């Protein structure tokens, strides 16, 4: 599950790295090279992301107690300690 989530995040990062500059070039062309207007347009996705984070509830996670990789019984099966 973590690998799939990481892959999704990386693919979204790549799409944003490609589409972001293309949209900025398009806006520069449409807005007659007004860099301030283009930068204000660039703020909108960030504001939308923050509003989504505030609005959407955090999913509940099932908490399971941590399990140690070794137990006393497992160590006892290894045999007596060599000292």
PDB file of N, CA and C in Angstrom:
ATOM      1  N   UNK A   1       0.831  -1.190   0.000  1.00  0.00           N
ATOM      2  CA  UNK A   1       0.000   0.000   0.000  1.00  0.00           C
ATOM      3  C   UNK A   1       0.878   1.257   0.000  1.00  0.00           C
ATOM      4  N   UNK A   2       1.964   1.215   0.774  1.00  0.00           N
ATOM      5  CA  UNK A   2       2.846   2.382   0.806  1.00  0.00           C
ATOM      6  C   UNK A   2       3.505   2.615  -0.541  1.00  0.00           C
ATOM      7  N   UNK A   3       3.877   1.524  -1.208  1.00  0.00           N
ATOM      8  CA  UNK A   3       4.506   1.658  -2.522  1.00  0.00           C
ATOM      9  C   UNK A   3       3.555   2.264  -3.536  1.00  0.00           C
ATOM     10  N   UNK A   4       2.301   1.853  -3.496  1.00  0.00           N
ATOM     11  CA  UNK A   4       1.307   2.415  -4.417  1.00  0.00           C
ATOM     12  C   UNK A   4       1.078   3.896  -4.120  1.00  0.00           C
ATOM     13  N   UNK A   5       1.027   4.253  -2.857  1.00  0.00           N
ATOM     14  CA  UNK A   5       0.834   5.655  -2.482  1.00  0.00           C
ATOM     15  C   UNK A   5       2.035   6.488  -2.914  1.00  0.00           C
ATOM     16  N   UNK A   6       3.239   5.943  -2.746  1.00  0.00           N
ATOM     17  CA  UNK A   6       4.433   6.670  -3.165  1.00  0.00           C
ATOM     18  C   UNK A   6       4.447   6.836  -4.680  1.00  0.00           C
ATOM     19  N   UNK A   7       4.068   5.794  -5.412  1.00  0.00           N
ATOM     20  CA  UNK A   7       4.026   5.889  -6.867  1.00  0.00           C
ATOM     21  C   UNK A   7       3.019   6.924  -7.336  1.00  0.00           C
ATOM     22  N   UNK A   8       1.858   6.974  -6.695  1.00  0.00           N
ATOM     23  CA  UNK A   8       0.844   7.964  -7.041  1.00  0.00           C
ATOM     24  C   UNK A   8       1.367   9.366  -6.778  1.00  0.00           C
ATOM     25  N   UNK A   9       2.013   9.558  -5.632  1.00  0.00           N
ATOM     26  CA  UNK A   9       2.550  10.882  -5.296  1.00  0.00           C
ATOM     27  C   UNK A   9       3.611  11.312  -6.296  1.00  0.00           C
ATOM     28  N   UNK A  10       4.486  10.391  -6.660  1.00  0.00           N
ATOM     29  CA  UNK A  10       5.543  10.721  -7.611  1.00  0.00           C
ATOM     30  C   UNK A  10       4.971  11.022  -8.997  1.00  0.00           C
ATOM     31  N   UNK A  11       3.959  10.261  -9.418  1.00  0.00           N
ATOM     32  CA  UNK A  11       3.376  10.512 -10.734  1.00  0.00           C
ATOM     33  C   UNK A  11       2.644  11.854 -10.751  1.00  0.00           C
ATOM     34  N   UNK A  12       1.972  12.198  -9.655  1.00  0.00           N
ATOM     35  CA  UNK A  12       1.310  13.493  -9.578  1.00  0.00           C
ATOM     36  C   UNK A  12       2.334  14.626  -9.575  1.00  0.00           C
ATOM     37  N   UNK A  13       3.471  14.409  -8.933  1.00  0.00           N
ATOM     38  CA  UNK A  13       4.541  15.398  -8.935  1.00  0.00           C
ATOM     39  C   UNK A  13       5.069  15.614 -10.351  1.00  0.00           C
ATOM     40  N   UNK A  14       5.233  14.534 -11.106  1.00  0.00           N
ATOM     41  CA  UNK A  14       5.733  14.631 -12.468  1.00  0.00           C
ATOM     42  C   UNK A  14       4.724  15.340 -13.372  1.00  0.00           C
ATOM     43  N   UNK A  15       3.455  15.001 -13.224  1.00  0.00           N
ATOM     44  CA  UNK A  15       2.415  15.669 -14.022  1.00  0.00           C
ATOM     45  C   UNK A  15       2.394  17.157 -13.712  1.00  0.00           C
ATOM     46  N   UNK A  16       2.508  17.515 -12.445  1.00  0.00           N
ATOM     47  CA  UNK A  16       2.534  18.927 -12.073  1.00  0.00           C
ATOM     48  C   UNK A  16       3.766  19.642 -12.602  1.00  0.00           C
ATOM     49  N   UNK A  17       4.897  18.935 -12.647  1.00  0.00           N
ATOM     50  CA  UNK A  17       6.127  19.544 -13.159  1.00  0.00           C
ATOM     51  C   UNK A  17       6.046  19.783 -14.662  1.00  0.00           C
ATOM     52  N   UNK A  18       5.233  19.005 -15.352  1.00  0.00           N
ATOM     53  CA  UNK A  18       5.074  19.192 -16.800  1.00  0.00           C
ATOM     54  C   UNK A  18       3.975  20.214 -17.092  1.00  0.00           C
ATOM     55  N   UNK A  19       2.821  20.039 -16.450  1.00  0.00           N
ATOM     56  CA  UNK A  19       1.688  20.910 -16.749  1.00  0.00           C
ATOM     57  C   UNK A  19       1.830  22.315 -16.180  1.00  0.00           C
ATOM     58  N   UNK A  20       2.488  22.462 -15.045  1.00  0.00           N
ATOM     59  CA  UNK A  20       2.622  23.779 -14.424  1.00  0.00           C
ATOM     60  C   UNK A  20       3.274  24.806 -15.337  1.00  0.00           C
ATOM     61  N   UNK A  21       4.468  24.523 -15.850  1.00  0.00           N
ATOM     62  CA  UNK A  21       5.083  25.497 -16.761  1.00  0.00           C
ATOM     63  C   UNK A  21       4.287  25.709 -18.062  1.00  0.00           C
ATOM     64  N   UNK A  22       3.652  24.654 -18.571  1.00  0.00           N
ATOM     65  CA  UNK A  22       2.850  24.830 -19.787  1.00  0.00           C
ATOM     66  C   UNK A  22       1.673  25.767 -19.539  1.00  0.00           C
ATOM     67  N   UNK A  23       1.016  25.595 -18.391  1.00  0.00           N
ATOM     68  CA  UNK A  23      -0.103  26.485 -18.052  1.00  0.00           C
ATOM     69  C   UNK A  23       0.400  27.906 -17.816  1.00  0.00           C
ATOM     70  N   UNK A  24       1.579  28.045 -17.198  1.00  0.00           N
ATOM     71  CA  UNK A  24       2.148  29.376 -16.982  1.00  0.00           C
ATOM     72  C   UNK A  24       2.460  30.060 -18.310  1.00  0.00           C
ATOM     73  N   UNK A  25       2.996  29.306 -19.264  1.00  0.00           N
ATOM     74  CA  UNK A  25       3.275  29.886 -20.585  1.00  0.00           C
ATOM     75  C   UNK A  25       1.980  30.311 -21.256  1.00  0.00           C
ATOM     76  N   UNK A  26       0.951  29.472 -21.172  1.00  0.00           N
ATOM     77  CA  UNK A  26      -0.346  29.799 -21.753  1.00  0.00           C
ATOM     78  C   UNK A  26      -0.928  31.060 -21.111  1.00  0.00           C
ATOM     79  N   UNK A  27      -0.839  31.149 -19.786  1.00  0.00           N
ATOM     80  CA  UNK A  27      -1.355  32.340 -19.096  1.00  0.00           C
ATOM     81  C   UNK A  27      -0.557  33.586 -19.456  1.00  0.00           C
ATOM     82  N   UNK A  28       0.755  33.445 -19.601  1.00  0.00           N
ATOM     83  CA  UNK A  28       1.564  34.598 -20.012  1.00  0.00           C
ATOM     84  C   UNK A  28       1.122  35.079 -21.393  1.00  0.00           C
ATOM     85  N   UNK A  29       0.804  34.140 -22.282  1.00  0.00           N
ATOM     86  CA  UNK A  29       0.360  34.509 -23.620  1.00  0.00           C
ATOM     87  C   UNK A  29      -1.018  35.169 -23.569  1.00  0.00           C
ATOM     88  N   UNK A  30      -1.938  34.578 -22.766  1.00  0.00           N
ATOM     89  CA  UNK A  30      -3.291  35.121 -22.682  1.00  0.00           C
ATOM     90  C   UNK A  30      -3.360  36.449 -21.944  1.00  0.00           C
ATOM     91  N   UNK A  31      -2.503  36.656 -20.959  1.00  0.00           N
ATOM     92  CA  UNK A  31      -2.564  37.858 -20.120  1.00  0.00           C
ATOM     93  C   UNK A  31      -1.545  38.910 -20.543  1.00  0.00           C
ATOM     94  N   UNK A  32      -1.029  38.806 -21.742  1.00  0.00           N
ATOM     95  CA  UNK A  32      -0.111  39.803 -22.314  1.00  0.00           C
ATOM     96  C   UNK A  32       1.123  40.004 -21.437  1.00  0.00           C
ATOM     97  N   UNK A  33       1.764  38.902 -21.046  1.00  0.00           N
ATOM     98  CA  UNK A  33       3.015  38.921 -20.267  1.00  0.00           C
ATOM     99  C   UNK A  33       2.890  39.629 -18.918  1.00  0.00           C
ATOM    100  N   UNK A  34       1.721  39.563 -18.291  1.00  0.00           N
ATOM    101  CA  UNK A  34       1.529  40.145 -16.956  1.00  0.00           C
ATOM    102  C   UNK A  34       1.920  39.093 -15.918  1.00  0.00           C
ATOM    103  N   UNK A  35       3.169  39.143 -15.468  1.00  0.00           N
ATOM    104  CA  UNK A  35       3.703  38.133 -14.553  1.00  0.00           C
ATOM    105  C   UNK A  35       2.983  38.148 -13.211  1.00  0.00           C
ATOM    106  N   UNK A  36       2.548  39.316 -12.758  1.00  0.00           N
ATOM    107  CA  UNK A  36       1.836  39.386 -11.469  1.00  0.00           C
ATOM    108  C   UNK A  36       0.512  38.627 -11.535  1.00  0.00           C
ATOM    109  N   UNK A  37      -0.204  38.744 -12.624  1.00  0.00           N
ATOM    110  CA  UNK A  37      -1.473  38.028 -12.774  1.00  0.00           C
ATOM    111  C   UNK A  37      -1.229  36.526 -12.842  1.00  0.00           C
ATOM    112  N   UNK A  38      -0.171  36.124 -13.534  1.00  0.00           N
ATOM    113  CA  UNK A  38       0.152  34.694 -13.631  1.00  0.00           C
ATOM    114  C   UNK A  38       0.492  34.136 -12.254  1.00  0.00           C
ATOM    115  N   UNK A  39       1.247  34.886 -11.465  1.00  0.00           N
ATOM    116  CA  UNK A  39       1.597  34.429 -10.117  1.00  0.00           C
ATOM    117  C   UNK A  39       0.362  34.338  -9.223  1.00  0.00           C
ATOM    118  N   UNK A  40      -0.587  35.247  -9.386  1.00  0.00           N
ATOM    119  CA  UNK A  40      -1.824  35.147  -8.611  1.00  0.00           C
ATOM    120  C   UNK A  40      -2.622  33.917  -9.014  1.00  0.00           C
ATOM    121  N   UNK A  41      -2.611  33.577 -10.306  1.00  0.00           N
ATOM    122  CA  UNK A  41      -3.269  32.351 -10.754  1.00  0.00           C
ATOM    123  C   UNK A  41      -2.573  31.135 -10.158  1.00  0.00           C
ATOM    124  N   UNK A  42      -1.263  31.218  -9.971  1.00  0.00           N
ATOM    125  CA  UNK A  42      -0.509  30.091  -9.420  1.00  0.00           C
ATOM    126  C   UNK A  42      -0.822  29.860  -7.942  1.00  0.00           C
ATOM    127  N   UNK A  43      -1.322  30.878  -7.258  1.00  0.00           N
ATOM    128  CA  UNK A  43      -1.671  30.752  -5.836  1.00  0.00           C
ATOM    129  C   UNK A  43      -2.957  29.936  -5.649  1.00  0.00           C
ATOM    130  N   UNK A  44      -3.829  29.955  -6.631  1.00  0.00           N
ATOM    131  CA  UNK A  44      -5.143  29.308  -6.492  1.00  0.00           C
ATOM    132  C   UNK A  44      -5.074  27.808  -6.184  1.00  0.00           C
ATOM    133  N   UNK A  45      -4.230  26.997  -6.842  1.00  0.00           N
ATOM    134  CA  UNK A  45      -4.177  25.572  -6.471  1.00  0.00           C
ATOM    135  C   UNK A  45      -3.717  25.357  -5.021  1.00  0.00           C
ATOM    136  N   UNK A  46      -2.822  26.198  -4.529  1.00  0.00           N
ATOM    137  CA  UNK A  46      -2.381  26.079  -3.141  1.00  0.00           C
ATOM    138  C   UNK A  46      -3.501  26.386  -2.161  1.00  0.00           C
ATOM    139  N   UNK A  47      -4.257  27.422  -2.449  1.00  0.00           N
ATOM    140  CA  UNK A  47      -5.401  27.765  -1.591  1.00  0.00           C
ATOM    141  C   UNK A  47      -6.431  26.641  -1.616  1.00  0.00           C
ATOM    142  N   UNK A  48      -6.693  26.091  -2.797  1.00  0.00           N
ATOM    143  CA  UNK A  48      -7.639  24.981  -2.918  1.00  0.00           C
ATOM    144  C   UNK A  48      -7.168  23.771  -2.118  1.00  0.00           C
ATOM    145  N   UNK A  49      -5.877  23.473  -2.158  1.00  0.00           N
ATOM    146  CA  UNK A  49      -5.341  22.332  -1.404  1.00  0.00           C
ATOM    147  C   UNK A  49      -5.507  22.538   0.098  1.00  0.00           C
ATOM    148  N   UNK A  50      -5.233  23.741   0.573  1.00  0.00           N
ATOM    149  CA  UNK A  50      -5.378  24.024   2.008  1.00  0.00           C
ATOM    150  C   UNK A  50      -6.840  23.907   2.426  1.00  0.00           C
ATOM    151  N   UNK A  51      -7.750  24.406   1.611  1.00  0.00           N
ATOM    152  CA  UNK A  51      -9.171  24.297   1.936  1.00  0.00           C
ATOM    153  C   UNK A  51      -9.628  22.839   1.970  1.00  0.00           C
ATOM    154  N   UNK A  52      -9.109  22.015   1.064  1.00  0.00           N
ATOM    155  CA  UNK A  52      -9.449  20.593   1.091  1.00  0.00           C
ATOM    156  C   UNK A  52      -8.908  19.913   2.342  1.00  0.00           C
ATOM    157  N   UNK A  53      -7.701  20.272   2.750  1.00  0.00           N
ATOM    158  CA  UNK A  53      -7.130  19.690   3.966  1.00  0.00           C
ATOM    159  C   UNK A  53      -7.936  20.056   5.201  1.00  0.00           C
ATOM    160  N   UNK A  54      -8.420  21.277   5.235  1.00  0.00           N
ATOM    161  CA  UNK A  54      -9.226  21.720   6.380  1.00  0.00           C
ATOM    162  C   UNK A  54     -10.590  21.039   6.368  1.00  0.00           C
ATOM    163  N   UNK A  55     -11.165  20.886   5.192  1.00  0.00           N
ATOM    164  CA  UNK A  55     -12.539  20.396   5.060  1.00  0.00           C
ATOM    165  C   UNK A  55     -12.681  18.882   5.214  1.00  0.00           C
ATOM    166  N   UNK A  56     -11.750  18.121   4.659  1.00  0.00           N
ATOM    167  CA  UNK A  56     -11.877  16.662   4.663  1.00  0.00           C
ATOM    168  C   UNK A  56     -11.452  16.082   6.009  1.00  0.00           C
ATOM    169  N   UNK A  57     -12.210  15.115   6.535  1.00  0.00           N
ATOM    170  CA  UNK A  57     -11.830  14.513   7.822  1.00  0.00           C
ATOM    171  C   UNK A  57     -10.662  13.543   7.654  1.00  0.00           C
ATOM    172  N   UNK A  58      -9.924  13.397   8.707  1.00  0.00           N
ATOM    173  CA  UNK A  58      -8.803  12.441   8.732  1.00  0.00           C
ATOM    174  C   UNK A  58      -9.366  11.033   8.898  1.00  0.00           C
ATOM    175  N   UNK A  59      -8.958  10.076   8.062  1.00  0.00           N
ATOM    176  CA  UNK A  59      -9.469   8.714   8.234  1.00  0.00           C
ATOM    177  C   UNK A  59      -8.924   8.084   9.511  1.00  0.00           C
ATOM    178  N   UNK A  60      -9.754   7.256  10.135  1.00  0.00           N
ATOM    179  CA  UNK A  60      -9.315   6.588  11.352  1.00  0.00           C
ATOM    180  C   UNK A  60      -8.467   5.376  10.999  1.00  0.00           C
ATOM    181  N   UNK A  61      -7.405   5.194  11.736  1.00  0.00           N
ATOM    182  CA  UNK A  61      -6.500   4.080  11.501  1.00  0.00           C
ATOM    183  C   UNK A  61      -6.662   3.055  12.612  1.00  0.00           C
ATOM    184  N   UNK A  62      -6.645   1.794  12.241  1.00  0.00           N
ATOM    185  CA  UNK A  62      -6.698   0.732  13.243  1.00  0.00           C
ATOM    186  C   UNK A  62      -5.323   0.627  13.891  1.00  0.00           C
ATOM    187  N   UNK A  63      -5.267   0.852  15.169  1.00  0.00           N
ATOM    188  CA  UNK A  63      -3.991   0.806  15.888  1.00  0.00           C
ATOM    189  C   UNK A  63      -3.776  -0.599  16.425  1.00  0.00           C
ATOM    190  N   UNK A  64      -2.713  -1.223  16.005  1.00  0.00           N
ATOM    191  CA  UNK A  64      -2.347  -2.535  16.528  1.00  0.00           C
ATOM    192  C   UNK A  64      -1.073  -2.368  17.331  1.00  0.00           C
ATOM    193  N   UNK A  65      -0.974  -3.043  18.445  1.00  0.00           N
ATOM    194  CA  UNK A  65       0.239  -2.892  19.252  1.00  0.00           C
ATOM    195  C   UNK A  65       1.460  -3.401  18.494  1.00  0.00           C
ATOM    196  N   UNK A  66       2.564  -2.731  18.711  1.00  0.00           N
ATOM    197  CA  UNK A  66       3.814  -3.129  18.064  1.00  0.00           C
ATOM    198  C   UNK A  66       4.259  -4.492  18.597  1.00  0.00           C
ATOM    199  N   UNK A  67       4.748  -5.310  17.711  1.00  0.00           N
ATOM    200  CA  UNK A  67       5.211  -6.636  18.091  1.00  0.00           C
ATOM    201  C   UNK A  67       6.712  -6.681  17.909  1.00  0.00           C
ATOM    202  N   UNK A  68       7.398  -7.115  18.951  1.00  0.00           N
ATOM    203  CA  UNK A  68       8.847  -7.229  18.862  1.00  0.00           C
ATOM    204  C   UNK A  68       9.202  -8.392  17.946  1.00  0.00           C
ATOM    205  N   UNK A  69      10.268  -8.258  17.172  1.00  0.00           N
ATOM    206  CA  UNK A  69      10.621  -9.338  16.255  1.00  0.00           C
ATOM    207  C   UNK A  69      11.089 -10.603  16.976  1.00  0.00           C
ATOM    208  N   UNK A  70      11.621 -10.461  18.180  1.00  0.00           N
ATOM    209  CA  UNK A  70      12.072 -11.614  18.965  1.00  0.00           C
ATOM    210  C   UNK A  70      11.343 -11.643  20.292  1.00  0.00           C
ATOM    211  N   UNK A  71      11.094 -12.824  20.781  1.00  0.00           N
ATOM    212  CA  UNK A  71      10.472 -12.979  22.096  1.00  0.00           C
ATOM    213  C   UNK A  71      11.397 -13.821  22.969  1.00  0.00           C
ATOM    214  N   UNK A  72      11.119 -13.881  24.246  1.00  0.00           N
ATOM    215  CA  UNK A  72      11.934 -14.707  25.141  1.00  0.00           C
ATOM    216  C   UNK A  72      11.855 -16.177  24.753  1.00  0.00           C
ATOM    217  N   UNK A  73      10.652 -16.617  24.352  1.00  0.00           N
ATOM    218  CA  UNK A  73      10.493 -18.013  23.959  1.00  0.00           C
ATOM    219  C   UNK A  73      11.316 -18.307  22.700  1.00  0.00           C
ATOM    220  N   UNK A  74      11.327 -17.364  21.759  1.00  0.00           N
ATOM    221  CA  UNK A  74      12.112 -17.547  20.542  1.00  0.00           C
ATOM    222  C   UNK A  74      13.603 -17.579  20.836  1.00  0.00           C
ATOM    223  N   UNK A  75      14.049 -16.736  21.751  1.00  0.00           N
ATOM    224  CA  UNK A  75      15.468 -16.741  22.128  1.00  0.00           C
ATOM    225  C   UNK A  75      15.839 -18.023  22.866  1.00  0.00           C
ATOM    226  N   UNK A  76      14.907 -18.546  23.685  1.00  0.00           N
ATOM    227  CA  UNK A  76      15.186 -19.779  24.426  1.00  0.00           C
ATOM    228  C   UNK A  76      15.355 -20.957  23.481  1.00  0.00           C
ATOM    229  N   UNK A  77      14.678 -20.945  22.348  1.00  0.00           N
ATOM    230  CA  UNK A  77      14.819 -22.032  21.383  1.00  0.00           C
ATOM    231  C   UNK A  77      16.190 -22.028  20.703  1.00  0.00           C
ATOM    232  N   UNK A  78      16.912 -20.946  20.793  1.00  0.00           N
ATOM    233  CA  UNK A  78      18.246 -20.896  20.195  1.00  0.00           C
ATOM    234  C   UNK A  78      19.272 -21.708  20.990  1.00  0.00           C
ATOM    235  N   UNK A  79      18.975 -21.966  22.209  1.00  0.00           N
ATOM    236  CA  UNK A  79      19.886 -22.750  23.037  1.00  0.00           C
ATOM    237  C   UNK A  79      20.469 -21.908  24.154  1.00  0.00           C
ATOM    238  N   UNK A  80      21.301 -22.534  24.980  1.00  0.00           N
ATOM    239  CA  UNK A  80      21.876 -21.779  26.096  1.00  0.00           C
ATOM    240  C   UNK A  80      22.882 -20.748  25.599  1.00  0.00           C
ATOM    241  N   UNK A  81      23.015 -19.713  26.405  1.00  0.00           N
ATOM    242  CA  UNK A  81      23.953 -18.648  26.070  1.00  0.00           C
ATOM    243  C   UNK A  81      25.384 -19.134  26.228  1.00  0.00           C
ATOM    244  N   UNK A  82      26.211 -18.764  25.297  1.00  0.00           N
ATOM    245  CA  UNK A  82      27.631 -19.132  25.348  1.00  0.00           C
ATOM    246  C   UNK A  82      28.408 -17.969  25.940  1.00  0.00           C
ATOM    247  N   UNK A  83      28.845 -18.135  27.167  1.00  0.00           N
ATOM    248  CA  UNK A  83      29.617 -17.056  27.786  1.00  0.00           C
ATOM    249  C   UNK A  83      30.959 -17.540  28.232  1.00  0.00           C
TER     250      UNK A  83
END
